[in-house]
Amino acid sequence: MGRARKNNIPSRTVRQQVDLSAKKAVILSHFRAGTLNYVTSTFRGFAAAVALGCLTSGVVLLSQTIKYAKPPNAKNGEKIYKSGCIACHGANGTGAPETFTEFKRPDTFPDFTRCDQTTPEPSSTWKAVIVHGGPARGFSQIMPAFGELLTDEQINDVIAYLRTLCTNKHWARGELNLPRALVTEKAFPEDEVVVSTALNATGAPGFTTDMIVEKRFGMRNQIEIDVPVTAQDQHHTWFAGAGDTTFGVKREMFSSLKTGSILALQGSVIAPVGNRAHGLGTGTTTFETFASFDQLFPTNTWVQFQTGADLPRHSDISPKTVFWRTAVGQTFSPDHGLGRLWSPMFEFLANRDLVTGARTDWDVLPEMQVTISRRQHIRGDIGVRTPVTNTAGRAKQVVFYLLWDFGDGKLTKGW
């Protein structure tokens, strides 16, 4: 449960592993004695495939936020928590003393009072761990499953109480961390490594792979480094090398879970590292600035907007450009919204040079993102980017990425 900063560490001794089942039994019996007594008190085919899957599977739900039969009651959740969860998680949510718990606390053990750990995760992640236990999401086995012991309403109440333990309400909530599109930049500050490739499907062979590192710092800020590597066939001669490298800083300006909105601004410096003669760079330092605004709707449909400009230091070498991008999507998940996430989306991409007689380049990009690991910290996305206007000399591309949210643990863990 919560934002895991590291990965699981095995129990201290083999004897502790044997005692683990007994410990789970104690926890469950504690709930039975306390909690239960208290309770007794090109898009057509793309869209058609998605729609067909949703209509033919009754267990597939829209999944970005939890749907409630009635609003959760944090006070009831506190009573349930103190009837059972307190045995391991402690009275204040920071964890009970290890001398009392009889197991070695793994590095993934949450501190519910730490907003930097808890706020990046949507409540659906916590619910999946409570319902199915820690191993269901690649976490420690010391967290047992309570799906058959607690009702759906009781679990929602417990989560509502846990949310109160982060007392700083200015942190953006994980529900606003929408699926990352292939091109459009989202507003939520993240801890991610992304390897993204655009491969020419028409025209001259070639590809560009961007190695992107995003690191959150503080409550609202994120630094970003983007190093592209390009290989191109130019008149039957291949040229390859690093391209212009981006160093950026993003700041979240506003977020509201109530309205489903988040706004961020970013400024970047693009260093002219690439070889301009071989078409790997612009040959001049470029300043990039943009705004990102994301909106999550009650139906769990979401829209991401990005608009900005690239302003080269020497516009006679490389023209100034403006761009605007939009991604529209929906996330689906089996197991009542607690399973693997499937996120079909569609991007509309526009770019225009600020020179006399320039025309706007429009592209469309249908795609599908899916979570790969059980912990959902490894994700993949693939789509096809197709030029719609000014198509001469602009290739259709297959675009894909592999994403690692390192804030949720090591690349090798959580499977």
Protein backbone atom coordinates (compact mmCIF):
# COMPACT_ATOMS: atom_id res chain seq x y z
CA MET A 1 0.00 0.00 0.00
CA GLY A 2 1.17 3.52 -0.65
CA ARG A 3 4.06 4.83 -2.67
CA ALA A 4 6.86 2.26 -2.54
CA ARG A 5 10.25 3.92 -2.72
CA LYS A 6 12.32 0.73 -2.75
CA ASN A 7 11.79 -2.98 -3.13
CA ASN A 8 10.96 -5.91 -0.93
CA ILE A 9 13.57 -7.36 1.43
CA PRO A 10 13.05 -10.95 2.58
CA SER A 11 12.31 -11.81 6.18
CA ARG A 12 15.16 -11.84 8.64
CA THR A 13 15.35 -15.62 9.06
CA VAL A 14 13.74 -18.78 7.71
CA ARG A 15 11.97 -19.10 11.03
CA GLN A 16 10.30 -15.71 10.52
CA GLN A 17 9.02 -16.88 7.13
CA VAL A 18 7.48 -19.94 8.76
CA ASP A 19 5.92 -17.72 11.42
CA LEU A 20 4.44 -15.44 8.75
CA SER A 21 1.34 -17.55 8.24
CA ALA A 22 0.72 -17.54 11.96
CA LYS A 23 1.15 -13.76 11.99
CA LYS A 24 -1.42 -13.38 9.20
CA ALA A 25 -3.81 -15.56 11.19
CA VAL A 26 -3.37 -13.28 14.20
CA ILE A 27 -4.11 -10.22 12.06
CA LEU A 28 -7.20 -11.80 10.53
CA SER A 29 -8.49 -12.99 13.90
CA HIS A 30 -7.95 -9.49 15.24
CA PHE A 31 -10.15 -8.16 12.46
CA ARG A 32 -12.80 -10.76 13.16
CA ALA A 33 -12.86 -9.88 16.85
CA GLY A 34 -12.83 -6.13 16.33
CA THR A 35 -13.82 -4.96 12.87
CA LEU A 36 -16.63 -7.42 12.20
CA ASN A 37 -18.20 -6.70 15.53
CA TYR A 38 -18.04 -2.99 14.71
CA VAL A 39 -19.53 -3.52 11.26
CA THR A 40 -22.25 -5.73 12.67
CA SER A 41 -22.96 -2.61 14.18
CA THR A 42 -7.90 5.52 -38.19
CA PHE A 43 -9.69 5.23 -35.33
CA ARG A 44 -12.91 3.30 -36.21
CA GLY A 45 -11.29 -0.09 -36.04
CA PHE A 46 -9.23 1.03 -33.07
CA ALA A 47 -12.28 2.34 -31.23
CA ALA A 48 -14.43 -0.60 -32.31
CA ALA A 49 -11.98 -3.09 -30.83
CA VAL A 50 -11.96 -1.23 -27.54
CA ALA A 51 -15.74 -0.88 -27.45
CA LEU A 52 -16.24 -4.55 -28.29
CA GLY A 53 -13.93 -5.59 -25.47
CA CYS A 54 -15.82 -3.40 -23.01
CA LEU A 55 -19.26 -4.57 -24.08
CA THR A 56 -18.39 -8.27 -23.98
CA SER A 57 -16.73 -8.25 -20.55
CA GLY A 58 -18.95 -7.38 -17.64
CA VAL A 59 -16.01 -7.20 -15.24
CA VAL A 60 -14.19 -4.48 -17.19
CA LEU A 61 -14.68 -1.08 -15.60
CA LEU A 62 -13.57 2.43 -16.35
CA SER A 63 -10.51 2.79 -14.19
CA GLN A 64 -8.80 6.02 -13.29
CA THR A 65 -10.78 6.77 -10.15
CA ILE A 66 -12.84 4.50 -7.90
CA LYS A 67 -16.61 4.57 -8.36
CA TYR A 68 -18.47 4.64 -5.03
CA ALA A 69 -21.97 3.43 -4.28
CA LYS A 70 -21.95 6.10 -1.58
CA PRO A 71 -19.29 8.54 -0.35
CA PRO A 72 -16.65 6.89 1.87
CA ASN A 73 -16.80 7.61 5.60
CA ALA A 74 -13.34 8.35 7.00
CA LYS A 75 -14.58 8.13 10.61
CA ASN A 76 -15.81 4.59 10.03
CA GLY A 77 -12.52 3.87 8.30
CA GLU A 78 -10.61 5.06 11.36
CA LYS A 79 -12.52 2.64 13.59
CA ILE A 80 -11.80 -0.26 11.25
CA TYR A 81 -8.14 0.76 10.99
CA LYS A 82 -7.74 0.90 14.75
CA SER A 83 -9.49 -2.45 15.11
CA GLY A 84 -6.93 -4.29 13.01
CA CYS A 85 -4.57 -2.35 10.73
CA ILE A 86 -2.91 -0.72 13.74
CA ALA A 87 -1.23 -4.03 14.58
CA CYS A 88 1.23 -3.60 11.69
CA HIS A 89 0.79 -0.03 10.49
CA GLY A 90 0.84 1.65 13.89
CA ALA A 91 -1.49 4.08 15.60
CA ASN A 92 -0.48 7.04 13.44
CA GLY A 93 0.20 5.22 10.15
CA THR A 94 3.99 5.33 10.36
CA GLY A 95 4.28 1.63 11.20
CA ALA A 96 4.17 -0.29 14.45
CA PRO A 97 7.52 -0.87 16.25
CA GLU A 98 9.30 -3.87 14.75
CA THR A 99 9.73 -5.34 18.21
CA PHE A 100 5.95 -5.82 18.29
CA THR A 101 5.33 -6.98 14.71
CA GLU A 102 7.58 -10.09 14.64
CA PHE A 103 8.67 -9.45 11.03
CA LYS A 104 11.34 -7.37 9.42
CA ARG A 105 9.78 -4.36 7.76
CA PRO A 106 10.43 -4.36 3.98
CA ASP A 107 11.61 -1.20 2.26
CA THR A 108 8.24 -1.02 0.50
CA PHE A 109 6.45 -0.63 3.86
CA PRO A 110 4.43 2.59 3.66
CA ASP A 111 4.46 5.59 5.95
CA PHE A 112 0.98 7.02 5.42
CA THR A 113 1.95 10.37 6.94
CA ARG A 114 4.53 11.00 4.17
CA CYS A 115 2.72 12.86 1.43
CA ASP A 116 5.54 12.28 -1.07
CA GLN A 117 4.95 8.52 -0.74
CA THR A 118 1.17 8.40 -0.62
CA THR A 119 -0.19 11.15 -2.86
CA PRO A 120 1.34 9.91 -6.17
CA GLU A 121 -0.70 6.70 -5.97
CA PRO A 122 -4.40 6.59 -6.90
CA SER A 123 -6.74 5.03 -4.36
CA SER A 124 -7.37 2.12 -6.75
CA THR A 125 -3.78 0.98 -6.18
CA TRP A 126 -4.30 0.89 -2.42
CA LYS A 127 -7.60 -0.90 -2.85
CA ALA A 128 -6.02 -3.61 -5.00
CA VAL A 129 -3.45 -4.31 -2.28
CA ILE A 130 -6.09 -4.40 0.48
CA VAL A 131 -8.42 -6.66 -1.50
CA HIS A 132 -5.84 -9.09 -2.92
CA GLY A 133 -2.83 -8.69 -0.61
CA GLY A 134 0.68 -7.38 -1.19
CA PRO A 135 1.90 -10.11 -3.60
CA ALA A 136 -0.93 -9.28 -6.04
CA ARG A 137 0.91 -6.03 -6.80
CA GLY A 138 4.42 -7.37 -6.35
CA PHE A 139 4.75 -6.18 -2.75
CA SER A 140 5.63 -8.09 0.40
CA GLN A 141 3.65 -11.13 1.54
CA ILE A 142 3.33 -9.64 5.01
CA MET A 143 0.33 -7.69 3.70
CA PRO A 144 -2.58 -10.21 3.72
CA ALA A 145 -5.68 -10.03 1.55
CA PHE A 146 -8.86 -8.65 3.15
CA GLY A 147 -11.19 -8.91 0.16
CA GLU A 148 -13.22 -11.69 1.77
CA LEU A 149 -13.13 -10.22 5.27
CA LEU A 150 -14.15 -6.63 4.58
CA THR A 151 -16.92 -5.34 2.39
CA ASP A 152 -16.25 -2.99 -0.52
CA GLU A 153 -17.73 -0.14 1.49
CA GLN A 154 -15.50 -0.85 4.50
CA ILE A 155 -12.36 -0.91 2.34
CA ASN A 156 -13.32 2.42 0.79
CA ASP A 157 -13.82 3.84 4.29
CA VAL A 158 -10.35 2.66 5.38
CA ILE A 159 -8.75 4.25 2.33
CA ALA A 160 -10.61 7.50 3.03
CA TYR A 161 -9.15 7.50 6.54
CA LEU A 162 -5.64 6.74 5.32
CA ARG A 163 -5.88 9.73 3.01
CA THR A 164 -6.36 12.01 6.02
CA LEU A 165 -2.93 11.04 7.39
CA CYS A 166 -1.24 13.22 4.77
CA THR A 167 -2.10 16.59 6.24
CA ASN A 168 -0.74 18.77 3.41
CA LYS A 169 -3.55 18.90 0.86
CA HIS A 170 -1.53 20.81 -1.72
CA TRP A 171 0.12 17.69 -3.12
CA ALA A 172 -1.37 16.61 -6.46
CA ARG A 173 -3.22 13.30 -6.12
CA GLY A 174 -2.28 10.24 -8.16
CA GLU A 175 -5.69 10.11 -9.83
CA LEU A 176 -4.50 13.15 -11.83
CA ASN A 177 -1.42 11.26 -13.03
CA LEU A 178 -2.98 10.35 -16.35
CA PRO A 179 -1.45 7.79 -18.74
CA ARG A 180 1.54 9.19 -20.59
CA ALA A 181 0.89 9.78 -24.29
CA LEU A 182 3.56 9.12 -26.92
CA VAL A 183 4.05 12.80 -27.80
CA THR A 184 1.80 15.06 -25.69
CA GLU A 185 3.42 15.97 -22.36
CA LYS A 186 1.27 15.48 -19.26
CA ALA A 187 1.13 17.94 -16.37
CA PHE A 188 1.77 15.63 -13.41
CA PRO A 189 5.37 15.74 -12.04
CA GLU A 190 6.82 12.24 -12.05
CA ASP A 191 9.76 9.90 -11.30
CA GLU A 192 10.16 8.07 -14.59
CA VAL A 193 12.63 6.70 -17.10
CA VAL A 194 11.22 6.47 -20.62
CA VAL A 195 12.86 4.97 -23.71
CA SER A 196 10.81 6.15 -26.69
CA THR A 197 11.41 5.29 -30.35
CA ALA A 198 9.97 6.70 -33.58
CA LEU A 199 10.65 4.36 -36.52
CA ASN A 200 10.02 5.44 -40.12
CA ALA A 201 7.41 3.22 -41.75
CA THR A 202 7.55 5.02 -45.10
CA GLY A 203 10.20 6.99 -46.94
CA ALA A 204 13.90 6.74 -46.12
CA PRO A 205 14.77 4.27 -43.36
CA GLY A 206 15.61 5.78 -40.01
CA PHE A 207 14.69 6.07 -36.37
CA THR A 208 15.14 8.27 -33.33
CA THR A 209 15.27 6.91 -29.78
CA ASP A 210 14.84 9.36 -26.91
CA MET A 211 16.20 8.40 -23.50
CA ILE A 212 14.24 10.49 -21.01
CA VAL A 213 14.75 10.81 -17.26
CA GLU A 214 12.22 12.73 -15.16
CA LYS A 215 12.85 13.29 -11.46
CA ARG A 216 10.40 14.95 -9.09
CA PHE A 217 11.72 17.21 -6.37
CA GLY A 218 9.66 18.95 -3.74
CA MET A 219 5.91 19.11 -3.87
CA ARG A 220 5.42 20.60 -7.35
CA ASN A 221 8.66 20.39 -9.32
CA GLN A 222 10.33 18.06 -11.80
CA ILE A 223 13.58 18.09 -13.73
CA GLU A 224 13.84 16.41 -17.12
CA ILE A 225 16.74 15.31 -19.33
CA ASP A 226 16.09 14.04 -22.86
CA VAL A 227 18.96 12.60 -24.89
CA PRO A 228 17.96 11.55 -28.45
CA VAL A 229 19.95 9.13 -30.59
CA THR A 230 19.19 9.17 -34.31
CA ALA A 231 20.13 6.90 -37.21
CA GLN A 232 19.16 7.89 -40.76
CA ASP A 233 19.69 6.62 -44.28
CA GLN A 234 20.56 9.71 -46.31
CA HIS A 235 20.96 8.88 -49.99
CA HIS A 236 22.06 5.33 -49.17
CA THR A 237 24.55 6.51 -46.58
CA TRP A 238 23.81 5.97 -42.91
CA PHE A 239 24.52 8.64 -40.33
CA ALA A 240 24.01 8.09 -36.62
CA GLY A 241 24.72 9.95 -33.41
CA ALA A 242 23.34 11.87 -30.47
CA GLY A 243 20.92 14.68 -31.19
CA ASP A 244 20.23 17.98 -29.43
CA THR A 245 19.83 17.33 -25.69
CA THR A 246 17.04 18.85 -23.59
CA PHE A 247 17.37 20.04 -19.99
CA GLY A 248 14.01 21.13 -18.55
CA VAL A 249 12.26 22.10 -15.34
CA LYS A 250 8.52 21.58 -14.86
CA ARG A 251 6.36 23.11 -12.13
CA GLU A 252 2.82 22.15 -11.30
CA MET A 253 0.85 25.38 -10.89
CA PHE A 254 -2.57 24.08 -9.91
CA SER A 255 -4.31 20.80 -9.21
CA SER A 256 -7.73 19.80 -7.92
CA LEU A 257 -9.02 16.28 -7.47
CA LYS A 258 -12.51 17.73 -7.01
CA THR A 259 -12.55 19.25 -10.51
CA GLY A 260 -10.17 16.66 -12.02
CA SER A 261 -7.81 19.38 -13.26
CA ILE A 262 -4.05 19.91 -13.22
CA LEU A 263 -1.91 22.62 -14.85
CA ALA A 264 1.88 22.74 -15.23
CA LEU A 265 4.46 24.97 -16.94
CA GLN A 266 7.86 23.91 -18.24
CA GLY A 267 10.93 25.70 -19.48
CA SER A 268 13.80 23.94 -21.22
CA VAL A 269 17.15 24.60 -22.83
CA ILE A 270 17.97 22.43 -25.85
CA ALA A 271 21.73 22.20 -26.29
CA PRO A 272 23.00 21.95 -29.90
CA VAL A 273 24.81 18.63 -29.43
CA GLY A 274 23.71 16.99 -32.68
CA ASN A 275 25.62 17.24 -35.96
CA ARG A 276 23.69 19.74 -38.08
CA ALA A 277 25.42 18.73 -41.30
CA HIS A 278 24.11 15.18 -40.91
CA GLY A 279 20.64 16.30 -39.91
CA LEU A 280 21.06 15.29 -36.26
CA GLY A 281 20.69 18.77 -34.72
CA THR A 282 19.66 22.37 -35.34
CA GLY A 283 23.08 23.94 -34.86
CA THR A 284 21.86 26.52 -32.33
CA THR A 285 20.75 26.65 -28.71
CA THR A 286 16.97 26.56 -28.45
CA PHE A 287 14.73 27.68 -25.60
CA GLU A 288 11.51 25.75 -25.27
CA THR A 289 8.53 26.67 -23.15
CA PHE A 290 5.11 25.08 -22.88
CA ALA A 291 2.01 24.68 -20.75
CA SER A 292 0.30 21.36 -20.04
CA PHE A 293 -3.29 21.08 -18.84
CA ASP A 294 -4.98 17.76 -18.09
CA GLN A 295 -8.66 17.20 -17.36
CA LEU A 296 -10.16 14.04 -15.88
CA PHE A 297 -13.94 13.76 -16.26
CA PRO A 298 -16.41 11.91 -13.98
CA THR A 299 -16.79 9.26 -16.70
CA ASN A 300 -13.03 8.58 -16.37
CA THR A 301 -12.49 9.95 -19.85
CA TRP A 302 -9.54 12.34 -19.91
CA VAL A 303 -8.04 14.99 -22.15
CA GLN A 304 -4.49 16.30 -22.11
CA PHE A 305 -3.52 19.61 -23.74
CA GLN A 306 -0.04 20.95 -24.45
CA THR A 307 0.94 24.14 -26.24
CA GLY A 308 4.26 25.90 -26.51
CA ALA A 309 7.06 27.28 -28.64
CA ASP A 310 10.63 26.50 -29.64
CA LEU A 311 12.70 29.69 -29.74
CA PRO A 312 16.19 29.19 -31.22
CA ARG A 313 18.92 31.67 -30.36
CA HIS A 314 19.71 32.06 -34.06
CA SER A 315 16.44 31.98 -35.97
CA ASP A 316 18.30 32.37 -39.26
CA ILE A 317 19.72 28.86 -38.68
CA SER A 318 16.59 27.22 -37.32
CA PRO A 319 13.12 28.83 -37.47
CA LYS A 320 10.98 29.60 -34.46
CA THR A 321 8.08 27.20 -34.14
CA VAL A 322 4.86 26.89 -32.21
CA PHE A 323 3.10 23.62 -31.43
CA TRP A 324 -0.11 22.39 -29.89
CA ARG A 325 -1.04 18.85 -29.00
CA THR A 326 -4.08 17.06 -27.62
CA ALA A 327 -4.50 13.52 -26.32
CA VAL A 328 -7.95 12.04 -25.63
CA GLY A 329 -8.26 8.70 -23.90
CA GLN A 330 -9.92 6.30 -21.49
CA THR A 331 -8.52 3.68 -19.12
CA PHE A 332 -10.13 0.27 -18.70
CA SER A 333 -9.35 -2.45 -16.20
CA PRO A 334 -10.72 -5.90 -15.29
CA ASP A 335 -11.34 -7.09 -11.71
CA HIS A 336 -13.69 -4.18 -10.96
CA GLY A 337 -11.06 -1.62 -11.88
CA LEU A 338 -8.21 -3.24 -9.90
CA GLY A 339 -6.47 -5.27 -12.65
CA ARG A 340 -4.17 -4.54 -15.57
CA LEU A 341 -4.73 -1.08 -17.08
CA TRP A 342 -5.50 -0.67 -20.79
CA SER A 343 -5.48 2.91 -22.04
CA PRO A 344 -6.45 3.57 -25.67
CA MET A 345 -5.92 7.17 -26.70
CA PHE A 346 -5.81 9.37 -29.77
CA GLU A 347 -3.46 12.31 -30.27
CA PHE A 348 -3.89 15.33 -32.54
CA LEU A 349 -0.52 17.00 -33.19
CA ALA A 350 0.18 20.34 -34.86
CA ASN A 351 3.41 22.21 -35.58
CA ARG A 352 4.02 25.47 -37.48
CA ASP A 353 7.20 27.37 -38.32
CA LEU A 354 6.99 31.10 -37.70
CA VAL A 355 8.14 32.12 -41.16
CA THR A 356 6.37 33.77 -44.05
CA GLY A 357 4.28 31.34 -46.07
CA ALA A 358 4.59 28.48 -43.59
CA ARG A 359 1.74 26.02 -43.24
CA THR A 360 0.67 23.98 -40.25
CA ASP A 361 1.70 20.34 -40.14
CA TRP A 362 -1.08 18.17 -38.71
CA ASP A 363 -0.58 14.56 -37.61
CA VAL A 364 -2.85 11.99 -35.95
CA LEU A 365 -1.62 9.28 -33.62
CA PRO A 366 -3.88 6.45 -32.34
CA GLU A 367 -2.20 4.34 -29.69
CA MET A 368 -2.59 1.90 -26.81
CA GLN A 369 -0.83 1.97 -23.44
CA VAL A 370 -0.83 -1.06 -21.14
CA THR A 371 0.67 -1.83 -17.74
CA ILE A 372 3.15 -4.70 -17.95
CA SER A 373 4.28 -5.47 -14.39
CA ARG A 374 1.98 -6.47 -11.53
CA ARG A 375 3.04 -3.34 -9.67
CA GLN A 376 2.07 -1.34 -12.76
CA HIS A 377 5.34 0.59 -12.63
CA ILE A 378 6.42 -0.79 -16.02
CA ARG A 379 4.24 0.30 -18.94
CA GLY A 380 4.38 0.17 -22.69
CA ASP A 381 2.71 2.22 -25.41
CA ILE A 382 2.60 1.80 -29.19
CA GLY A 383 0.92 3.73 -31.98
CA VAL A 384 1.19 4.92 -35.58
CA ARG A 385 1.81 8.59 -36.35
CA THR A 386 0.37 9.62 -39.70
CA PRO A 387 0.84 13.01 -41.41
CA VAL A 388 -2.47 14.53 -42.50
CA THR A 389 -1.37 17.82 -44.09
CA ASN A 390 1.80 18.79 -45.95
CA THR A 391 2.63 15.12 -46.29
CA ALA A 392 5.47 15.52 -48.83
CA GLY A 393 8.74 14.48 -47.21
CA ARG A 394 7.08 13.55 -43.90
CA ALA A 395 7.15 9.85 -43.11
CA LYS A 396 4.52 7.77 -41.38
CA GLN A 397 6.08 6.45 -38.16
CA VAL A 398 5.59 3.60 -35.74
CA VAL A 399 6.09 5.11 -32.28
CA PHE A 400 6.50 3.15 -29.07
CA TYR A 401 7.97 3.44 -25.59
CA LEU A 402 8.83 1.48 -22.47
CA LEU A 403 8.27 3.38 -19.22
CA TRP A 404 9.67 2.64 -15.76
CA ASP A 405 8.22 4.51 -12.78
CA PHE A 406 11.26 4.13 -10.52
CA GLY A 407 9.42 5.76 -7.63
CA ASP A 408 7.56 2.45 -7.26
CA GLY A 409 10.66 0.27 -7.10
CA LYS A 410 13.46 -1.30 -9.05
CA LEU A 411 13.06 -2.40 -12.64
CA THR A 412 13.52 -6.04 -11.67
CA LYS A 413 10.96 -6.03 -8.85
CA GLY A 414 7.17 -6.00 -8.79
CA TRP A 415 6.61 -8.69 -11.42
